[in-house]
Amino acid sequence: MASKSFRDFYNDDANISPAERAKIEFEVELIGKLIAAREANGMTQEQLAEAAGLKQSAVARLESLRATPQIDTLFKMLTPMGYKLTIVPSEEDVRTV
């Protein structure tokens, strides 16, 4: 039996459901944008942590995807950088609420 690549394993619904894959991809994109915002503001993890009232280790855990941020933590981190969290329709599924 040939071994599967990570991509094959990851994209196989028998291993990871489409819902779980969407959650993982959302978290990766969210944290990527958070890191980009911090860097665009010229802030270190330590500076962001101080401005947000968090420990630097908490910021590091979030940025390394070892922890999933809670909504209140996101607001604490985004506010001092001049960002806000919004909900927008995805390109694939535009509906009216």
C-alpha atoms as a PDB file:
ATOM      1  CA  MET A   1       0.000   0.000   0.000  1.00  0.00           C
ATOM      2  CA  ALA A   2       1.435   3.374  -1.019  1.00  0.00           C
ATOM      3  CA  SER A   3       1.723   5.994   1.688  1.00  0.00           C
ATOM      4  CA  LYS A   4      -0.419   9.086   1.426  1.00  0.00           C
ATOM      5  CA  SER A   5       0.938  12.581   1.410  1.00  0.00           C
ATOM      6  CA  PHE A   6      -0.307  14.968   4.060  1.00  0.00           C
ATOM      7  CA  ARG A   7      -2.378  16.780   1.416  1.00  0.00           C
ATOM      8  CA  ASP A   8      -4.054  13.506   0.391  1.00  0.00           C
ATOM      9  CA  PHE A   9      -4.737  12.634   4.028  1.00  0.00           C
ATOM     10  CA  TYR A  10      -6.021  16.151   4.830  1.00  0.00           C
ATOM     11  CA  ASN A  11      -8.347  16.296   1.826  1.00  0.00           C
ATOM     12  CA  ASP A  12      -9.826  12.825   2.372  1.00  0.00           C
ATOM     13  CA  ASP A  13     -13.284  13.199   3.965  1.00  0.00           C
ATOM     14  CA  ALA A  14     -12.784   9.825   5.669  1.00  0.00           C
ATOM     15  CA  ASN A  15      -9.970  11.388   7.711  1.00  0.00           C
ATOM     16  CA  ILE A  16     -11.098  14.990   8.182  1.00  0.00           C
ATOM     17  CA  SER A  17     -14.675  16.082   7.595  1.00  0.00           C
ATOM     18  CA  PRO A  18     -15.384  19.068   5.363  1.00  0.00           C
ATOM     19  CA  ALA A  19     -16.685  20.957   8.427  1.00  0.00           C
ATOM     20  CA  GLU A  20     -13.509  20.292  10.418  1.00  0.00           C
ATOM     21  CA  ARG A  21     -11.369  21.223   7.398  1.00  0.00           C
ATOM     22  CA  ALA A  22     -13.288  24.516   7.064  1.00  0.00           C
ATOM     23  CA  LYS A  23     -12.720  25.222  10.776  1.00  0.00           C
ATOM     24  CA  ILE A  24      -8.986  24.557  10.474  1.00  0.00           C
ATOM     25  CA  GLU A  25      -8.686  26.741   7.386  1.00  0.00           C
ATOM     26  CA  PHE A  26     -10.647  29.548   9.081  1.00  0.00           C
ATOM     27  CA  GLU A  27      -8.380  29.461  12.136  1.00  0.00           C
ATOM     28  CA  VAL A  28      -5.224  29.455  10.008  1.00  0.00           C
ATOM     29  CA  GLU A  29      -6.490  32.418   7.950  1.00  0.00           C
ATOM     30  CA  LEU A  30      -7.627  34.317  11.061  1.00  0.00           C
ATOM     31  CA  ILE A  31      -4.300  33.916  12.832  1.00  0.00           C
ATOM     32  CA  GLY A  32      -2.444  34.814   9.634  1.00  0.00           C
ATOM     33  CA  LYS A  33      -4.389  38.064   9.431  1.00  0.00           C
ATOM     34  CA  LEU A  34      -3.773  38.756  13.112  1.00  0.00           C
ATOM     35  CA  ILE A  35      -0.022  38.309  12.640  1.00  0.00           C
ATOM     36  CA  ALA A  36      -0.099  40.514   9.518  1.00  0.00           C
ATOM     37  CA  ALA A  37      -1.966  43.236  11.441  1.00  0.00           C
ATOM     38  CA  ARG A  38       0.561  43.111  14.296  1.00  0.00           C
ATOM     39  CA  GLU A  39       3.482  43.310  11.886  1.00  0.00           C
ATOM     40  CA  ALA A  40       1.819  46.110   9.855  1.00  0.00           C
ATOM     41  CA  ASN A  41       1.582  48.076  13.102  1.00  0.00           C
ATOM     42  CA  GLY A  42       5.279  47.473  13.757  1.00  0.00           C
ATOM     43  CA  MET A  43       4.496  45.711  17.023  1.00  0.00           C
ATOM     44  CA  THR A  44       6.299  42.822  18.664  1.00  0.00           C
ATOM     45  CA  GLN A  45       4.336  40.109  20.412  1.00  0.00           C
ATOM     46  CA  GLU A  46       5.407  41.659  23.705  1.00  0.00           C
ATOM     47  CA  GLN A  47       4.156  45.122  22.704  1.00  0.00           C
ATOM     48  CA  LEU A  48       0.823  43.740  21.533  1.00  0.00           C
ATOM     49  CA  ALA A  49       0.454  41.694  24.701  1.00  0.00           C
ATOM     50  CA  GLU A  50       1.078  44.769  26.866  1.00  0.00           C
ATOM     51  CA  ALA A  51      -1.387  46.897  24.869  1.00  0.00           C
ATOM     52  CA  ALA A  52      -4.025  44.139  25.023  1.00  0.00           C
ATOM     53  CA  GLY A  53      -3.521  43.302  28.697  1.00  0.00           C
ATOM     54  CA  LEU A  54      -2.269  39.800  27.910  1.00  0.00           C
ATOM     55  CA  LYS A  55       0.926  37.874  28.497  1.00  0.00           C
ATOM     56  CA  GLN A  56       3.393  37.597  25.626  1.00  0.00           C
ATOM     57  CA  SER A  57       3.189  33.815  25.932  1.00  0.00           C
ATOM     58  CA  ALA A  58      -0.567  33.980  25.249  1.00  0.00           C
ATOM     59  CA  VAL A  59       0.054  35.912  22.027  1.00  0.00           C
ATOM     60  CA  ALA A  60       2.752  33.406  21.040  1.00  0.00           C
ATOM     61  CA  ARG A  61       0.413  30.444  21.666  1.00  0.00           C
ATOM     62  CA  LEU A  62      -2.264  32.024  19.462  1.00  0.00           C
ATOM     63  CA  GLU A  63       0.158  32.921  16.689  1.00  0.00           C
ATOM     64  CA  SER A  64       1.602  29.402  16.631  1.00  0.00           C
ATOM     65  CA  LEU A  65      -1.922  27.891  16.467  1.00  0.00           C
ATOM     66  CA  ARG A  66      -1.427  26.113  19.791  1.00  0.00           C
ATOM     67  CA  ALA A  67      -4.514  27.896  21.138  1.00  0.00           C
ATOM     68  CA  THR A  68      -7.771  29.095  19.600  1.00  0.00           C
ATOM     69  CA  PRO A  69      -8.578  32.710  20.488  1.00  0.00           C
ATOM     70  CA  GLN A  70     -11.787  33.520  22.302  1.00  0.00           C
ATOM     71  CA  ILE A  71     -13.850  36.443  20.981  1.00  0.00           C
ATOM     72  CA  ASP A  72     -12.939  38.691  23.919  1.00  0.00           C
ATOM     73  CA  THR A  73      -9.234  37.953  23.374  1.00  0.00           C
ATOM     74  CA  LEU A  74      -9.551  38.862  19.693  1.00  0.00           C
ATOM     75  CA  PHE A  75     -11.133  42.196  20.621  1.00  0.00           C
ATOM     76  CA  LYS A  76      -8.374  42.855  23.176  1.00  0.00           C
ATOM     77  CA  MET A  77      -5.744  42.219  20.516  1.00  0.00           C
ATOM     78  CA  LEU A  78      -7.410  43.967  17.584  1.00  0.00           C
ATOM     79  CA  THR A  79      -8.470  47.179  19.342  1.00  0.00           C
ATOM     80  CA  PRO A  80      -4.993  48.592  20.125  1.00  0.00           C
ATOM     81  CA  MET A  81      -3.969  47.890  16.522  1.00  0.00           C
ATOM     82  CA  GLY A  82      -6.932  49.841  15.136  1.00  0.00           C
ATOM     83  CA  TYR A  83      -8.817  46.829  13.768  1.00  0.00           C
ATOM     84  CA  LYS A  84     -12.260  45.393  14.392  1.00  0.00           C
ATOM     85  CA  LEU A  85     -13.870  42.040  13.808  1.00  0.00           C
ATOM     86  CA  THR A  86     -16.637  41.955  11.201  1.00  0.00           C
ATOM     87  CA  ILE A  87     -18.799  39.315   9.573  1.00  0.00           C
ATOM     88  CA  VAL A  88     -19.046  39.393   5.789  1.00  0.00           C
ATOM     89  CA  PRO A  89     -20.612  36.992   3.290  1.00  0.00           C
ATOM     90  CA  SER A  90     -18.277  34.412   1.836  1.00  0.00           C
ATOM     91  CA  GLU A  91     -17.786  34.486  -1.908  1.00  0.00           C
ATOM     92  CA  GLU A  92     -19.106  30.948  -2.286  1.00  0.00           C
ATOM     93  CA  ASP A  93     -22.373  31.395  -0.423  1.00  0.00           C
ATOM     94  CA  VAL A  94     -23.912  34.870  -0.533  1.00  0.00           C
ATOM     95  CA  ARG A  95     -27.291  34.950   1.239  1.00  0.00           C
ATOM     96  CA  THR A  96     -29.451  37.641   2.715  1.00  0.00           C
ATOM     97  CA  VAL A  97     -30.247  37.418   6.395  1.00  0.00           C
END
